[in-house]
Amino acid sequence: MNNRRRMTGVVKSNKMAKTVVVEITRTYRHPIYKKVVKARKRVKAHDELGCNVGDKVRIVESRPLSREKRWVVEAILERETRNVEVEA
């Protein structure tokens, strides 16, 4: 195994070609106020697997692929199963 960073997140957008926006959420306790704080970060990741919105994915850091893409989708951990109703 190599020593690249790996993170898990949820796909928020897949409207670009071979690119998805992944939101990484982490919780931590504030050092002074001791309140649990939820922080989130959105990164763009290269997608060859065909992710959909709501999928839980694991991303791995890579060389810069474009101006904003530095991550690649490594695996889809959990597919989003939504019931989509079609309006006539």
PDB file of N, CA and C in Angstrom:
ATOM      1  N   MET A   1       0.843  -1.180   0.000  1.00  0.00           N
ATOM      2  CA  MET A   1       0.000   0.000   0.000  1.00  0.00           C
ATOM      3  C   MET A   1       0.887   1.241   0.000  1.00  0.00           C
ATOM      4  N   ASN A   2       0.482   2.238  -0.769  1.00  0.00           N
ATOM      5  CA  ASN A   2       1.264   3.468  -0.800  1.00  0.00           C
ATOM      6  C   ASN A   2       0.804   4.412   0.304  1.00  0.00           C
ATOM      7  N   ASN A   3       1.513   5.529   0.459  1.00  0.00           N
ATOM      8  CA  ASN A   3       1.213   6.429   1.569  1.00  0.00           C
ATOM      9  C   ASN A   3       0.450   7.669   1.112  1.00  0.00           C
ATOM     10  N   ARG A   4      -0.440   7.507   0.144  1.00  0.00           N
ATOM     11  CA  ARG A   4      -1.308   8.607  -0.275  1.00  0.00           C
ATOM     12  C   ARG A   4      -2.464   8.755   0.698  1.00  0.00           C
ATOM     13  N   ARG A   5      -2.934   9.990   0.858  1.00  0.00           N
ATOM     14  CA  ARG A   5      -4.078  10.224   1.743  1.00  0.00           C
ATOM     15  C   ARG A   5      -5.343   9.685   1.104  1.00  0.00           C
ATOM     16  N   ARG A   6      -6.177   9.077   1.923  1.00  0.00           N
ATOM     17  CA  ARG A   6      -7.477   8.577   1.476  1.00  0.00           C
ATOM     18  C   ARG A   6      -8.554   9.134   2.391  1.00  0.00           C
ATOM     19  N   MET A   7      -9.654   9.577   1.802  1.00  0.00           N
ATOM     20  CA  MET A   7     -10.758  10.120   2.577  1.00  0.00           C
ATOM     21  C   MET A   7     -12.066   9.586   2.016  1.00  0.00           C
ATOM     22  N   THR A   8     -13.092   9.566   2.863  1.00  0.00           N
ATOM     23  CA  THR A   8     -14.411   9.164   2.405  1.00  0.00           C
ATOM     24  C   THR A   8     -15.332  10.372   2.449  1.00  0.00           C
ATOM     25  N   GLY A   9     -16.243  10.419   1.499  1.00  0.00           N
ATOM     26  CA  GLY A   9     -17.183  11.535   1.427  1.00  0.00           C
ATOM     27  C   GLY A   9     -18.386  11.156   0.597  1.00  0.00           C
ATOM     28  N   VAL A  10     -19.269  12.123   0.414  1.00  0.00           N
ATOM     29  CA  VAL A  10     -20.516  11.915  -0.316  1.00  0.00           C
ATOM     30  C   VAL A  10     -20.487  12.774  -1.575  1.00  0.00           C
ATOM     31  N   VAL A  11     -20.892  12.193  -2.701  1.00  0.00           N
ATOM     32  CA  VAL A  11     -20.926  12.918  -3.968  1.00  0.00           C
ATOM     33  C   VAL A  11     -22.084  13.906  -3.933  1.00  0.00           C
ATOM     34  N   LYS A  12     -21.791  15.188  -4.178  1.00  0.00           N
ATOM     35  CA  LYS A  12     -22.803  16.232  -4.166  1.00  0.00           C
ATOM     36  C   LYS A  12     -23.182  16.689  -5.570  1.00  0.00           C
ATOM     37  N   SER A  13     -22.293  16.514  -6.543  1.00  0.00           N
ATOM     38  CA  SER A  13     -22.587  16.942  -7.910  1.00  0.00           C
ATOM     39  C   SER A  13     -21.800  16.074  -8.883  1.00  0.00           C
ATOM     40  N   ASN A  14     -22.452  15.725  -9.991  1.00  0.00           N
ATOM     41  CA  ASN A  14     -21.770  14.979 -11.051  1.00  0.00           C
ATOM     42  C   ASN A  14     -22.092  15.565 -12.417  1.00  0.00           C
ATOM     43  N   LYS A  15     -22.262  16.880 -12.477  1.00  0.00           N
ATOM     44  CA  LYS A  15     -22.686  17.525 -13.717  1.00  0.00           C
ATOM     45  C   LYS A  15     -21.543  17.774 -14.686  1.00  0.00           C
ATOM     46  N   MET A  16     -20.299  17.626 -14.236  1.00  0.00           N
ATOM     47  CA  MET A  16     -19.154  17.841 -15.122  1.00  0.00           C
ATOM     48  C   MET A  16     -18.729  16.521 -15.753  1.00  0.00           C
ATOM     49  N   ALA A  17     -17.977  16.617 -16.830  1.00  0.00           N
ATOM     50  CA  ALA A  17     -17.518  15.416 -17.524  1.00  0.00           C
ATOM     51  C   ALA A  17     -16.364  14.798 -16.749  1.00  0.00           C
ATOM     52  N   LYS A  18     -16.538  13.559 -16.283  1.00  0.00           N
ATOM     53  CA  LYS A  18     -15.524  12.793 -15.555  1.00  0.00           C
ATOM     54  C   LYS A  18     -15.033  13.488 -14.295  1.00  0.00           C
ATOM     55  N   THR A  19     -15.868  14.335 -13.700  1.00  0.00           N
ATOM     56  CA  THR A  19     -15.517  15.029 -12.464  1.00  0.00           C
ATOM     57  C   THR A  19     -16.725  15.028 -11.543  1.00  0.00           C
ATOM     58  N   VAL A  20     -16.474  14.771 -10.253  1.00  0.00           N
ATOM     59  CA  VAL A  20     -17.528  14.844  -9.257  1.00  0.00           C
ATOM     60  C   VAL A  20     -17.071  15.759  -8.126  1.00  0.00           C
ATOM     61  N   VAL A  21     -18.050  16.372  -7.451  1.00  0.00           N
ATOM     62  CA  VAL A  21     -17.761  17.177  -6.271  1.00  0.00           C
ATOM     63  C   VAL A  21     -18.077  16.311  -5.060  1.00  0.00           C
ATOM     64  N   VAL A  22     -17.072  16.091  -4.212  1.00  0.00           N
ATOM     65  CA  VAL A  22     -17.220  15.232  -3.042  1.00  0.00           C
ATOM     66  C   VAL A  22     -17.155  16.101  -1.795  1.00  0.00           C
ATOM     67  N   GLU A  23     -18.123  15.923  -0.901  1.00  0.00           N
ATOM     68  CA  GLU A  23     -18.146  16.666   0.353  1.00  0.00           C
ATOM     69  C   GLU A  23     -17.643  15.763   1.472  1.00  0.00           C
ATOM     70  N   ILE A  24     -16.583  16.220   2.133  1.00  0.00           N
ATOM     71  CA  ILE A  24     -15.970  15.478   3.232  1.00  0.00           C
ATOM     72  C   ILE A  24     -16.398  16.161   4.531  1.00  0.00           C
ATOM     73  N   THR A  25     -17.035  15.420   5.421  1.00  0.00           N
ATOM     74  CA  THR A  25     -17.511  15.963   6.685  1.00  0.00           C
ATOM     75  C   THR A  25     -16.702  15.359   7.825  1.00  0.00           C
ATOM     76  N   ARG A  26     -16.257  16.224   8.751  1.00  0.00           N
ATOM     77  CA  ARG A  26     -15.563  15.727   9.929  1.00  0.00           C
ATOM     78  C   ARG A  26     -16.110  16.447  11.149  1.00  0.00           C
ATOM     79  N   THR A  27     -16.129  15.757  12.277  1.00  0.00           N
ATOM     80  CA  THR A  27     -16.575  16.356  13.524  1.00  0.00           C
ATOM     81  C   THR A  27     -15.402  16.347  14.493  1.00  0.00           C
ATOM     82  N   TYR A  28     -15.308  17.420  15.274  1.00  0.00           N
ATOM     83  CA  TYR A  28     -14.258  17.515  16.287  1.00  0.00           C
ATOM     84  C   TYR A  28     -14.771  18.359  17.440  1.00  0.00           C
ATOM     85  N   ARG A  29     -14.136  18.237  18.573  1.00  0.00           N
ATOM     86  CA  ARG A  29     -14.518  19.003  19.750  1.00  0.00           C
ATOM     87  C   ARG A  29     -13.698  20.283  19.785  1.00  0.00           C
ATOM     88  N   HIS A  30     -14.383  21.410  19.969  1.00  0.00           N
ATOM     89  CA  HIS A  30     -13.708  22.699  20.015  1.00  0.00           C
ATOM     90  C   HIS A  30     -12.766  22.733  21.223  1.00  0.00           C
ATOM     91  N   PRO A  31     -11.512  23.199  21.032  1.00  0.00           N
ATOM     92  CA  PRO A  31     -10.546  23.114  22.131  1.00  0.00           C
ATOM     93  C   PRO A  31     -10.880  23.985  23.346  1.00  0.00           C
ATOM     94  N   ILE A  32     -11.561  25.096  23.165  1.00  0.00           N
ATOM     95  CA  ILE A  32     -11.871  25.980  24.298  1.00  0.00           C
ATOM     96  C   ILE A  32     -13.291  25.753  24.806  1.00  0.00           C
ATOM     97  N   TYR A  33     -14.273  25.757  23.882  1.00  0.00           N
ATOM     98  CA  TYR A  33     -15.675  25.695  24.294  1.00  0.00           C
ATOM     99  C   TYR A  33     -16.204  24.281  24.463  1.00  0.00           C
ATOM    100  N   LYS A  34     -15.444  23.289  24.056  1.00  0.00           N
ATOM    101  CA  LYS A  34     -15.792  21.871  24.223  1.00  0.00           C
ATOM    102  C   LYS A  34     -17.084  21.471  23.522  1.00  0.00           C
ATOM    103  N   LYS A  35     -17.502  22.256  22.553  1.00  0.00           N
ATOM    104  CA  LYS A  35     -18.698  21.926  21.792  1.00  0.00           C
ATOM    105  C   LYS A  35     -18.284  21.115  20.566  1.00  0.00           C
ATOM    106  N   VAL A  36     -19.115  20.174  20.163  1.00  0.00           N
ATOM    107  CA  VAL A  36     -18.827  19.376  18.973  1.00  0.00           C
ATOM    108  C   VAL A  36     -19.150  20.214  17.740  1.00  0.00           C
ATOM    109  N   VAL A  37     -18.148  20.381  16.896  1.00  0.00           N
ATOM    110  CA  VAL A  37     -18.272  21.216  15.703  1.00  0.00           C
ATOM    111  C   VAL A  37     -18.209  20.313  14.485  1.00  0.00           C
ATOM    112  N   LYS A  38     -19.065  20.598  13.515  1.00  0.00           N
ATOM    113  CA  LYS A  38     -19.076  19.843  12.269  1.00  0.00           C
ATOM    114  C   LYS A  38     -18.476  20.713  11.175  1.00  0.00           C
ATOM    115  N   ALA A  39     -17.393  20.253  10.569  1.00  0.00           N
ATOM    116  CA  ALA A  39     -16.738  20.994   9.497  1.00  0.00           C
ATOM    117  C   ALA A  39     -16.866  20.195   8.214  1.00  0.00           C
ATOM    118  N   ARG A  40     -17.059  20.878   7.102  1.00  0.00           N
ATOM    119  CA  ARG A  40     -17.170  20.180   5.826  1.00  0.00           C
ATOM    120  C   ARG A  40     -16.299  20.871   4.781  1.00  0.00           C
ATOM    121  N   LYS A  41     -15.844  20.066   3.839  1.00  0.00           N
ATOM    122  CA  LYS A  41     -14.968  20.558   2.797  1.00  0.00           C
ATOM    123  C   LYS A  41     -15.401  19.910   1.489  1.00  0.00           C
ATOM    124  N   ARG A  42     -15.421  20.691   0.439  1.00  0.00           N
ATOM    125  CA  ARG A  42     -15.798  20.158  -0.875  1.00  0.00           C
ATOM    126  C   ARG A  42     -14.584  20.152  -1.777  1.00  0.00           C
ATOM    127  N   VAL A  43     -14.319  19.001  -2.399  1.00  0.00           N
ATOM    128  CA  VAL A  43     -13.192  18.874  -3.323  1.00  0.00           C
ATOM    129  C   VAL A  43     -13.700  18.283  -4.628  1.00  0.00           C
ATOM    130  N   LYS A  44     -12.994  18.574  -5.700  1.00  0.00           N
ATOM    131  CA  LYS A  44     -13.315  17.983  -6.998  1.00  0.00           C
ATOM    132  C   LYS A  44     -12.434  16.759  -7.197  1.00  0.00           C
ATOM    133  N   ALA A  45     -13.035  15.682  -7.691  1.00  0.00           N
ATOM    134  CA  ALA A  45     -12.317  14.428  -7.870  1.00  0.00           C
ATOM    135  C   ALA A  45     -12.583  13.871  -9.261  1.00  0.00           C
ATOM    136  N   HIS A  46     -11.567  13.236  -9.833  1.00  0.00           N
ATOM    137  CA  HIS A  46     -11.685  12.598 -11.139  1.00  0.00           C
ATOM    138  C   HIS A  46     -12.478  11.309 -10.984  1.00  0.00           C
ATOM    139  N   ASP A  47     -13.439  11.078 -11.880  1.00  0.00           N
ATOM    140  CA  ASP A  47     -14.359   9.950 -11.750  1.00  0.00           C
ATOM    141  C   ASP A  47     -14.375   9.137 -13.028  1.00  0.00           C
ATOM    142  N   GLU A  48     -13.835   7.931 -12.962  1.00  0.00           N
ATOM    143  CA  GLU A  48     -13.919   6.990 -14.086  1.00  0.00           C
ATOM    144  C   GLU A  48     -14.951   5.897 -13.812  1.00  0.00           C
ATOM    145  N   LEU A  49     -15.507   5.862 -12.596  1.00  0.00           N
ATOM    146  CA  LEU A  49     -16.411   4.780 -12.198  1.00  0.00           C
ATOM    147  C   LEU A  49     -17.877   5.086 -12.443  1.00  0.00           C
ATOM    148  N   GLY A  50     -18.222   6.337 -12.697  1.00  0.00           N
ATOM    149  CA  GLY A  50     -19.613   6.702 -12.940  1.00  0.00           C
ATOM    150  C   GLY A  50     -20.415   6.871 -11.665  1.00  0.00           C
ATOM    151  N   CYS A  51     -19.997   7.766 -10.799  1.00  0.00           N
ATOM    152  CA  CYS A  51     -20.696   8.015  -9.537  1.00  0.00           C
ATOM    153  C   CYS A  51     -21.953   8.828  -9.766  1.00  0.00           C
ATOM    154  N   ASN A  52     -22.921   8.639  -8.893  1.00  0.00           N
ATOM    155  CA  ASN A  52     -24.142   9.425  -8.910  1.00  0.00           C
ATOM    156  C   ASN A  52     -24.219  10.262  -7.637  1.00  0.00           C
ATOM    157  N   VAL A  53     -25.106  11.240  -7.639  1.00  0.00           N
ATOM    158  CA  VAL A  53     -25.284  12.109  -6.475  1.00  0.00           C
ATOM    159  C   VAL A  53     -25.791  11.271  -5.307  1.00  0.00           C
ATOM    160  N   GLY A  54     -25.161  11.431  -4.145  1.00  0.00           N
ATOM    161  CA  GLY A  54     -25.552  10.694  -2.954  1.00  0.00           C
ATOM    162  C   GLY A  54     -24.715   9.463  -2.681  1.00  0.00           C
ATOM    163  N   ASP A  55     -23.868   9.051  -3.613  1.00  0.00           N
ATOM    164  CA  ASP A  55     -23.012   7.890  -3.395  1.00  0.00           C
ATOM    165  C   ASP A  55     -21.931   8.207  -2.371  1.00  0.00           C
ATOM    166  N   LYS A  56     -21.632   7.228  -1.518  1.00  0.00           N
ATOM    167  CA  LYS A  56     -20.521   7.361  -0.580  1.00  0.00           C
ATOM    168  C   LYS A  56     -19.287   6.777  -1.258  1.00  0.00           C
ATOM    169  N   VAL A  57     -18.220   7.583  -1.381  1.00  0.00           N
ATOM    170  CA  VAL A  57     -17.040   7.178  -2.143  1.00  0.00           C
ATOM    171  C   VAL A  57     -15.780   7.358  -1.311  1.00  0.00           C
ATOM    172  N   ARG A  58     -14.736   6.628  -1.699  1.00  0.00           N
ATOM    173  CA  ARG A  58     -13.403   6.822  -1.131  1.00  0.00           C
ATOM    174  C   ARG A  58     -12.544   7.470  -2.208  1.00  0.00           C
ATOM    175  N   ILE A  59     -11.907   8.597  -1.855  1.00  0.00           N
ATOM    176  CA  ILE A  59     -11.057   9.299  -2.806  1.00  0.00           C
ATOM    177  C   ILE A  59      -9.614   9.231  -2.321  1.00  0.00           C
ATOM    178  N   VAL A  60      -8.697   9.282  -3.271  1.00  0.00           N
ATOM    179  CA  VAL A  60      -7.276   9.209  -2.969  1.00  0.00           C
ATOM    180  C   VAL A  60      -6.586  10.382  -3.654  1.00  0.00           C
ATOM    181  N   GLU A  61      -5.594  10.975  -2.985  1.00  0.00           N
ATOM    182  CA  GLU A  61      -4.910  12.115  -3.574  1.00  0.00           C
ATOM    183  C   GLU A  61      -4.031  11.664  -4.737  1.00  0.00           C
ATOM    184  N   SER A  62      -3.835  12.563  -5.703  1.00  0.00           N
ATOM    185  CA  SER A  62      -3.046  12.233  -6.889  1.00  0.00           C
ATOM    186  C   SER A  62      -2.302  13.481  -7.344  1.00  0.00           C
ATOM    187  N   ARG A  63      -1.633  13.359  -8.432  1.00  0.00           N
ATOM    188  CA  ARG A  63      -0.971  14.528  -9.012  1.00  0.00           C
ATOM    189  C   ARG A  63      -2.042  15.489  -9.512  1.00  0.00           C
ATOM    190  N   PRO A  64      -1.717  16.756  -9.719  1.00  0.00           N
ATOM    191  CA  PRO A  64      -2.725  17.689 -10.233  1.00  0.00           C
ATOM    192  C   PRO A  64      -3.192  17.287 -11.632  1.00  0.00           C
ATOM    193  N   LEU A  65      -4.497  17.076 -11.774  1.00  0.00           N
ATOM    194  CA  LEU A  65      -5.073  16.683 -13.058  1.00  0.00           C
ATOM    195  C   LEU A  65      -5.607  17.882 -13.825  1.00  0.00           C
ATOM    196  N   SER A  66      -5.991  18.927 -13.115  1.00  0.00           N
ATOM    197  CA  SER A  66      -6.423  20.181 -13.723  1.00  0.00           C
ATOM    198  C   SER A  66      -6.192  21.278 -12.689  1.00  0.00           C
ATOM    199  N   ARG A  67      -6.772  22.438 -12.910  1.00  0.00           N
ATOM    200  CA  ARG A  67      -6.530  23.542 -11.986  1.00  0.00           C
ATOM    201  C   ARG A  67      -7.045  23.254 -10.577  1.00  0.00           C
ATOM    202  N   GLU A  68      -8.155  22.532 -10.471  1.00  0.00           N
ATOM    203  CA  GLU A  68      -8.750  22.288  -9.162  1.00  0.00           C
ATOM    204  C   GLU A  68      -8.801  20.817  -8.758  1.00  0.00           C
ATOM    205  N   LYS A  69      -8.517  19.899  -9.676  1.00  0.00           N
ATOM    206  CA  LYS A  69      -8.626  18.472  -9.364  1.00  0.00           C
ATOM    207  C   LYS A  69      -7.300  17.910  -8.881  1.00  0.00           C
ATOM    208  N   ARG A  70      -7.294  17.430  -7.625  1.00  0.00           N
ATOM    209  CA  ARG A  70      -6.122  16.757  -7.063  1.00  0.00           C
ATOM    210  C   ARG A  70      -6.498  15.422  -6.419  1.00  0.00           C
ATOM    211  N   TRP A  71      -7.700  14.943  -6.654  1.00  0.00           N
ATOM    212  CA  TRP A  71      -8.191  13.702  -6.060  1.00  0.00           C
ATOM    213  C   TRP A  71      -8.783  12.814  -7.147  1.00  0.00           C
ATOM    214  N   VAL A  72      -8.787  11.503  -6.907  1.00  0.00           N
ATOM    215  CA  VAL A  72      -9.351  10.523  -7.828  1.00  0.00           C
ATOM    216  C   VAL A  72     -10.270   9.612  -7.017  1.00  0.00           C
ATOM    217  N   VAL A  73     -11.442   9.300  -7.580  1.00  0.00           N
ATOM    218  CA  VAL A  73     -12.365   8.370  -6.916  1.00  0.00           C
ATOM    219  C   VAL A  73     -11.758   6.977  -7.019  1.00  0.00           C
ATOM    220  N   GLU A  74     -11.504   6.376  -5.855  1.00  0.00           N
ATOM    221  CA  GLU A  74     -10.885   5.058  -5.816  1.00  0.00           C
ATOM    222  C   GLU A  74     -11.928   3.950  -5.797  1.00  0.00           C
ATOM    223  N   ALA A  75     -12.994   4.137  -5.025  1.00  0.00           N
ATOM    224  CA  ALA A  75     -14.019   3.098  -4.908  1.00  0.00           C
ATOM    225  C   ALA A  75     -15.343   3.731  -4.501  1.00  0.00           C
ATOM    226  N   ILE A  76     -16.423   3.092  -4.933  1.00  0.00           N
ATOM    227  CA  ILE A  76     -17.764   3.477  -4.495  1.00  0.00           C
ATOM    228  C   ILE A  76     -18.116   2.551  -3.341  1.00  0.00           C
ATOM    229  N   LEU A  77     -18.243   3.113  -2.150  1.00  0.00           N
ATOM    230  CA  LEU A  77     -18.488   2.301  -0.961  1.00  0.00           C
ATOM    231  C   LEU A  77     -19.961   1.964  -0.783  1.00  0.00           C
ATOM    232  N   GLU A  78     -20.836   2.904  -1.151  1.00  0.00           N
ATOM    233  CA  GLU A  78     -22.262   2.703  -0.945  1.00  0.00           C
ATOM    234  C   GLU A  78     -23.024   3.486  -2.000  1.00  0.00           C
ATOM    235  N   ARG A  79     -23.898   2.804  -2.731  1.00  0.00           N
ATOM    236  CA  ARG A  79     -24.700   3.465  -3.758  1.00  0.00           C
ATOM    237  C   ARG A  79     -25.916   4.117  -3.131  1.00  0.00           C
ATOM    238  N   GLU A  80     -26.318   5.252  -3.657  1.00  0.00           N
ATOM    239  CA  GLU A  80     -27.541   5.921  -3.218  1.00  0.00           C
ATOM    240  C   GLU A  80     -28.723   5.245  -3.899  1.00  0.00           C
ATOM    241  N   THR A  81     -29.691   4.833  -3.108  1.00  0.00           N
ATOM    242  CA  THR A  81     -30.898   4.208  -3.660  1.00  0.00           C
ATOM    243  C   THR A  81     -32.065   5.130  -3.391  1.00  0.00           C
ATOM    244  N   ARG A  82     -32.376   5.943  -4.367  1.00  0.00           N
ATOM    245  CA  ARG A  82     -33.494   6.879  -4.259  1.00  0.00           C
ATOM    246  C   ARG A  82     -34.593   6.440  -5.190  1.00  0.00           C
ATOM    247  N   ASN A  83     -35.828   6.586  -4.752  1.00  0.00           N
ATOM    248  CA  ASN A  83     -36.965   6.300  -5.603  1.00  0.00           C
ATOM    249  C   ASN A  83     -37.297   7.594  -6.357  1.00  0.00           C
ATOM    250  N   VAL A  84     -37.015   7.592  -7.647  1.00  0.00           N
ATOM    251  CA  VAL A  84     -37.262   8.770  -8.467  1.00  0.00           C
ATOM    252  C   VAL A  84     -38.600   8.604  -9.159  1.00  0.00           C
ATOM    253  N   GLU A  85     -39.516   9.535  -8.887  1.00  0.00           N
ATOM    254  CA  GLU A  85     -40.830   9.484  -9.519  1.00  0.00           C
ATOM    255  C   GLU A  85     -40.791  10.314 -10.786  1.00  0.00           C
ATOM    256  N   VAL A  86     -41.320   9.750 -11.860  1.00  0.00           N
ATOM    257  CA  VAL A  86     -41.340  10.435 -13.140  1.00  0.00           C
ATOM    258  C   VAL A  86     -42.696  11.107 -13.304  1.00  0.00           C
ATOM    259  N   GLU A  87     -42.658  12.420 -13.549  1.00  0.00           N
ATOM    260  CA  GLU A  87     -43.906  13.154 -13.753  1.00  0.00           C
ATOM    261  C   GLU A  87     -44.229  13.190 -15.233  1.00  0.00           C
ATOM    262  N   ALA A  88     -45.481  12.949 -15.554  1.00  0.00           N
ATOM    263  CA  ALA A  88     -45.879  12.911 -16.949  1.00  0.00           C
ATOM    264  C   ALA A  88     -46.298  14.279 -17.445  1.00  0.00           C
TER     265      ALA A  88
END
